[in-house]
Amino acid sequence: MDYLKIKLNGSDNKEHTLKEFKTKMILYFYPKDNTPGCSMEAQEYSSYKDDFEKVGYKIIGVSRDSIKSHLKFIDKMKINFLLLSDENEELCKAFNVLKEKNMFGKKSIGVERSTFILNENGEIVHEFRKVKAAGDAKRMLDLVNEE
């Protein structure tokens, strides 16, 4: 599980590895700060943050955006959880969330919206790919509440 050792800068101005958290977590990858779907998803996760914490889960969002971008996004959307900046795409590659996208005939590599549930040891318990932004947080909360 080499992905546990990858160091990324966080929106709290600290460097983090997933290994350090030693808690269950919802780790979700999203394409871009301040886009409609990503904003909706982040706001939903923010609204359920207390509910996730009650059952022992930490929420962490990851995109390729810079910390500067993350801080603006957090301020604008009132996000209340940690965002990690993966500008070098290390964690994105480790979780295999970079996919070829085709927008108006132009091909590019982008983040496929994906959510992972990790246990206290950082092991992937559930993985969801090609996630729809709307309702992702509620679906994850319902799932962890069933456990």
C-alpha atoms as a PDB file:
ATOM      1  CA  MET A   1       0.000   0.000   0.000  1.00  0.00           C
ATOM      2  CA  ASP A   2       2.494   2.550  -1.203  1.00  0.00           C
ATOM      3  CA  TYR A   3      -0.279   5.133  -1.571  1.00  0.00           C
ATOM      4  CA  LEU A   4      -0.248   5.538   2.215  1.00  0.00           C
ATOM      5  CA  LYS A   5       3.232   7.110   2.066  1.00  0.00           C
ATOM      6  CA  ILE A   6       2.619   9.687  -0.681  1.00  0.00           C
ATOM      7  CA  LYS A   7       3.098  13.187   0.715  1.00  0.00           C
ATOM      8  CA  LEU A   8       0.635  15.869  -0.357  1.00  0.00           C
ATOM      9  CA  ASN A   9       0.040  19.431   0.739  1.00  0.00           C
ATOM     10  CA  GLY A  10      -3.227  20.052   2.542  1.00  0.00           C
ATOM     11  CA  SER A  11      -5.567  23.001   2.730  1.00  0.00           C
ATOM     12  CA  ASP A  12      -4.467  23.345   6.381  1.00  0.00           C
ATOM     13  CA  ASN A  13      -0.985  24.338   5.103  1.00  0.00           C
ATOM     14  CA  LYS A  14       0.542  21.075   6.338  1.00  0.00           C
ATOM     15  CA  GLU A  15       2.032  18.140   4.472  1.00  0.00           C
ATOM     16  CA  HIS A  16       0.095  14.890   4.874  1.00  0.00           C
ATOM     17  CA  THR A  17       0.243  11.184   4.123  1.00  0.00           C
ATOM     18  CA  LEU A  18      -2.863   9.011   4.348  1.00  0.00           C
ATOM     19  CA  LYS A  19      -1.001   6.768   6.806  1.00  0.00           C
ATOM     20  CA  GLU A  20      -0.842   9.489   9.459  1.00  0.00           C
ATOM     21  CA  PHE A  21      -4.606   9.761   9.902  1.00  0.00           C
ATOM     22  CA  LYS A  22      -5.050   6.311  11.510  1.00  0.00           C
ATOM     23  CA  THR A  23      -8.812   6.594  11.153  1.00  0.00           C
ATOM     24  CA  LYS A  24     -11.498   5.378   8.827  1.00  0.00           C
ATOM     25  CA  MET A  25     -11.931   7.792   5.952  1.00  0.00           C
ATOM     26  CA  ILE A  26     -13.942   8.769   2.957  1.00  0.00           C
ATOM     27  CA  LEU A  27     -11.358   9.659   0.326  1.00  0.00           C
ATOM     28  CA  TYR A  28     -12.881  11.197  -2.723  1.00  0.00           C
ATOM     29  CA  PHE A  29     -11.219  12.388  -5.908  1.00  0.00           C
ATOM     30  CA  TYR A  30     -12.843  15.140  -7.925  1.00  0.00           C
ATOM     31  CA  PRO A  31     -11.934  16.840 -11.219  1.00  0.00           C
ATOM     32  CA  LYS A  32     -11.679  20.552 -10.435  1.00  0.00           C
ATOM     33  CA  ASP A  33     -12.309  23.212  -7.805  1.00  0.00           C
ATOM     34  CA  ASN A  34     -15.141  25.671  -8.423  1.00  0.00           C
ATOM     35  CA  THR A  35     -16.963  23.667 -11.067  1.00  0.00           C
ATOM     36  CA  PRO A  36     -20.687  22.974 -10.633  1.00  0.00           C
ATOM     37  CA  GLY A  37     -20.532  19.239  -9.897  1.00  0.00           C
ATOM     38  CA  CYS A  38     -17.473  19.480  -7.679  1.00  0.00           C
ATOM     39  CA  SER A  39     -18.974  22.386  -5.749  1.00  0.00           C
ATOM     40  CA  MET A  40     -22.206  20.461  -5.187  1.00  0.00           C
ATOM     41  CA  GLU A  41     -20.335  17.366  -4.025  1.00  0.00           C
ATOM     42  CA  ALA A  42     -18.105  19.331  -1.631  1.00  0.00           C
ATOM     43  CA  GLN A  43     -21.091  21.144  -0.126  1.00  0.00           C
ATOM     44  CA  GLU A  44     -22.906  17.834   0.399  1.00  0.00           C
ATOM     45  CA  TYR A  45     -19.886  16.335   2.149  1.00  0.00           C
ATOM     46  CA  SER A  46     -19.623  19.475   4.295  1.00  0.00           C
ATOM     47  CA  SER A  47     -23.278  19.191   5.293  1.00  0.00           C
ATOM     48  CA  TYR A  48     -22.755  15.576   6.449  1.00  0.00           C
ATOM     49  CA  LYS A  49     -19.365  16.068   8.118  1.00  0.00           C
ATOM     50  CA  ASP A  50     -20.713  15.727  11.669  1.00  0.00           C
ATOM     51  CA  ASP A  51     -22.649  12.587  10.724  1.00  0.00           C
ATOM     52  CA  PHE A  52     -19.509  10.992   9.286  1.00  0.00           C
ATOM     53  CA  GLU A  53     -17.504  11.935  12.380  1.00  0.00           C
ATOM     54  CA  LYS A  54     -20.133  10.374  14.680  1.00  0.00           C
ATOM     55  CA  VAL A  55     -19.421   7.000  13.066  1.00  0.00           C
ATOM     56  CA  GLY A  56     -15.653   7.555  13.078  1.00  0.00           C
ATOM     57  CA  TYR A  57     -14.959   8.727   9.514  1.00  0.00           C
ATOM     58  CA  LYS A  58     -12.789  11.588   8.287  1.00  0.00           C
ATOM     59  CA  ILE A  59     -13.599  13.168   4.915  1.00  0.00           C
ATOM     60  CA  ILE A  60     -10.725  14.061   2.589  1.00  0.00           C
ATOM     61  CA  GLY A  61     -11.105  15.508  -0.894  1.00  0.00           C
ATOM     62  CA  VAL A  62      -8.348  15.270  -3.501  1.00  0.00           C
ATOM     63  CA  SER A  63      -7.854  17.040  -6.821  1.00  0.00           C
ATOM     64  CA  ARG A  64      -4.955  18.195  -8.965  1.00  0.00           C
ATOM     65  CA  ASP A  65      -5.666  21.835  -8.086  1.00  0.00           C
ATOM     66  CA  SER A  66      -3.153  23.959  -6.186  1.00  0.00           C
ATOM     67  CA  ILE A  67      -3.450  24.836  -2.505  1.00  0.00           C
ATOM     68  CA  LYS A  68      -4.194  28.426  -3.550  1.00  0.00           C
ATOM     69  CA  SER A  69      -7.127  27.149  -5.617  1.00  0.00           C
ATOM     70  CA  HIS A  70      -8.277  24.896  -2.760  1.00  0.00           C
ATOM     71  CA  LEU A  71      -8.286  27.797  -0.297  1.00  0.00           C
ATOM     72  CA  LYS A  72     -10.455  29.907  -2.604  1.00  0.00           C
ATOM     73  CA  PHE A  73     -12.780  26.932  -3.136  1.00  0.00           C
ATOM     74  CA  ILE A  74     -13.048  26.310   0.621  1.00  0.00           C
ATOM     75  CA  ASP A  75     -13.804  29.964   1.282  1.00  0.00           C
ATOM     76  CA  LYS A  76     -16.368  30.278  -1.506  1.00  0.00           C
ATOM     77  CA  MET A  77     -18.177  26.976  -0.801  1.00  0.00           C
ATOM     78  CA  LYS A  78     -17.747  26.968   3.010  1.00  0.00           C
ATOM     79  CA  ILE A  79     -16.037  23.572   2.934  1.00  0.00           C
ATOM     80  CA  ASN A  80     -15.284  22.253   6.423  1.00  0.00           C
ATOM     81  CA  PHE A  81     -12.940  19.347   5.714  1.00  0.00           C
ATOM     82  CA  LEU A  82      -9.412  18.808   4.438  1.00  0.00           C
ATOM     83  CA  LEU A  83      -8.580  19.073   0.742  1.00  0.00           C
ATOM     84  CA  LEU A  84      -5.305  17.661  -0.551  1.00  0.00           C
ATOM     85  CA  SER A  85      -3.467  19.030  -3.565  1.00  0.00           C
ATOM     86  CA  ASP A  86      -2.145  16.355  -5.905  1.00  0.00           C
ATOM     87  CA  GLU A  87      -0.540  18.603  -8.505  1.00  0.00           C
ATOM     88  CA  ASN A  88       2.023  15.890  -9.367  1.00  0.00           C
ATOM     89  CA  GLU A  89      -0.769  13.313  -9.774  1.00  0.00           C
ATOM     90  CA  GLU A  90       0.945  10.804  -7.475  1.00  0.00           C
ATOM     91  CA  LEU A  91      -2.096   9.826  -5.425  1.00  0.00           C
ATOM     92  CA  CYS A  92      -4.353  10.034  -8.494  1.00  0.00           C
ATOM     93  CA  LYS A  93      -2.083   7.548 -10.270  1.00  0.00           C
ATOM     94  CA  ALA A  94      -1.856   5.284  -7.215  1.00  0.00           C
ATOM     95  CA  PHE A  95      -5.663   5.078  -7.090  1.00  0.00           C
ATOM     96  CA  ASN A  96      -5.923   4.871 -10.895  1.00  0.00           C
ATOM     97  CA  VAL A  97      -8.398   7.755 -11.206  1.00  0.00           C
ATOM     98  CA  LEU A  98      -6.776   9.500 -14.183  1.00  0.00           C
ATOM     99  CA  LYS A  99      -8.708   8.663 -17.322  1.00  0.00           C
ATOM    100  CA  GLU A 100      -8.870   9.898 -20.880  1.00  0.00           C
ATOM    101  CA  LYS A 101     -11.776  12.265 -21.350  1.00  0.00           C
ATOM    102  CA  ASN A 102     -13.281  13.508 -24.579  1.00  0.00           C
ATOM    103  CA  MET A 103     -14.847  16.958 -24.430  1.00  0.00           C
ATOM    104  CA  PHE A 104     -16.152  18.382 -27.713  1.00  0.00           C
ATOM    105  CA  GLY A 105     -13.762  16.158 -29.666  1.00  0.00           C
ATOM    106  CA  LYS A 106     -10.743  17.260 -27.643  1.00  0.00           C
ATOM    107  CA  LYS A 107      -9.058  14.467 -25.705  1.00  0.00           C
ATOM    108  CA  SER A 108      -7.384  15.102 -22.380  1.00  0.00           C
ATOM    109  CA  ILE A 109      -6.477  13.268 -19.200  1.00  0.00           C
ATOM    110  CA  GLY A 110      -8.647  14.145 -16.233  1.00  0.00           C
ATOM    111  CA  VAL A 111      -9.741  12.874 -12.848  1.00  0.00           C
ATOM    112  CA  GLU A 112     -12.607  10.411 -12.964  1.00  0.00           C
ATOM    113  CA  ARG A 113     -14.818  11.269  -9.984  1.00  0.00           C
ATOM    114  CA  SER A 114     -14.195   8.380  -7.576  1.00  0.00           C
ATOM    115  CA  THR A 115     -14.794   7.658  -3.901  1.00  0.00           C
ATOM    116  CA  PHE A 116     -12.943   5.203  -1.681  1.00  0.00           C
ATOM    117  CA  ILE A 117     -13.753   4.080   1.837  1.00  0.00           C
ATOM    118  CA  LEU A 118     -10.626   3.211   3.803  1.00  0.00           C
ATOM    119  CA  ASN A 119     -10.342   1.456   7.159  1.00  0.00           C
ATOM    120  CA  GLU A 120      -8.107   2.533  10.075  1.00  0.00           C
ATOM    121  CA  ASN A 121      -5.121   0.851   8.421  1.00  0.00           C
ATOM    122  CA  GLY A 122      -5.630   2.695   5.157  1.00  0.00           C
ATOM    123  CA  GLU A 123      -6.872  -0.387   3.336  1.00  0.00           C
ATOM    124  CA  ILE A 124      -9.540   0.119   0.691  1.00  0.00           C
ATOM    125  CA  VAL A 125     -12.802  -1.378   1.930  1.00  0.00           C
ATOM    126  CA  HIS A 126     -15.054  -0.045  -0.857  1.00  0.00           C
ATOM    127  CA  GLU A 127     -14.343   1.734  -4.114  1.00  0.00           C
ATOM    128  CA  PHE A 128     -16.727   3.583  -6.384  1.00  0.00           C
ATOM    129  CA  ARG A 129     -15.762   4.856  -9.819  1.00  0.00           C
ATOM    130  CA  LYS A 130     -17.569   7.105 -12.293  1.00  0.00           C
ATOM    131  CA  VAL A 131     -19.423   8.578  -9.322  1.00  0.00           C
ATOM    132  CA  LYS A 132     -22.226  11.069  -9.850  1.00  0.00           C
ATOM    133  CA  ALA A 133     -21.583  14.239  -7.826  1.00  0.00           C
ATOM    134  CA  ALA A 134     -25.183  14.647  -6.689  1.00  0.00           C
ATOM    135  CA  GLY A 135     -25.912  12.354  -3.776  1.00  0.00           C
ATOM    136  CA  ASP A 136     -22.410  10.859  -3.429  1.00  0.00           C
ATOM    137  CA  ALA A 137     -22.029  12.005   0.178  1.00  0.00           C
ATOM    138  CA  LYS A 138     -25.444  10.646   1.191  1.00  0.00           C
ATOM    139  CA  ARG A 139     -24.762   7.288  -0.496  1.00  0.00           C
ATOM    140  CA  MET A 140     -21.451   6.979   1.371  1.00  0.00           C
ATOM    141  CA  LEU A 141     -23.037   7.987   4.680  1.00  0.00           C
ATOM    142  CA  ASP A 142     -25.807   5.423   4.246  1.00  0.00           C
ATOM    143  CA  LEU A 143     -23.197   2.766   3.474  1.00  0.00           C
ATOM    144  CA  VAL A 144     -20.989   3.472   6.502  1.00  0.00           C
ATOM    145  CA  ASN A 145     -24.043   3.634   8.755  1.00  0.00           C
ATOM    146  CA  GLU A 146     -24.982   0.087   7.668  1.00  0.00           C
ATOM    147  CA  GLU A 147     -21.622  -1.287   8.841  1.00  0.00           C
END
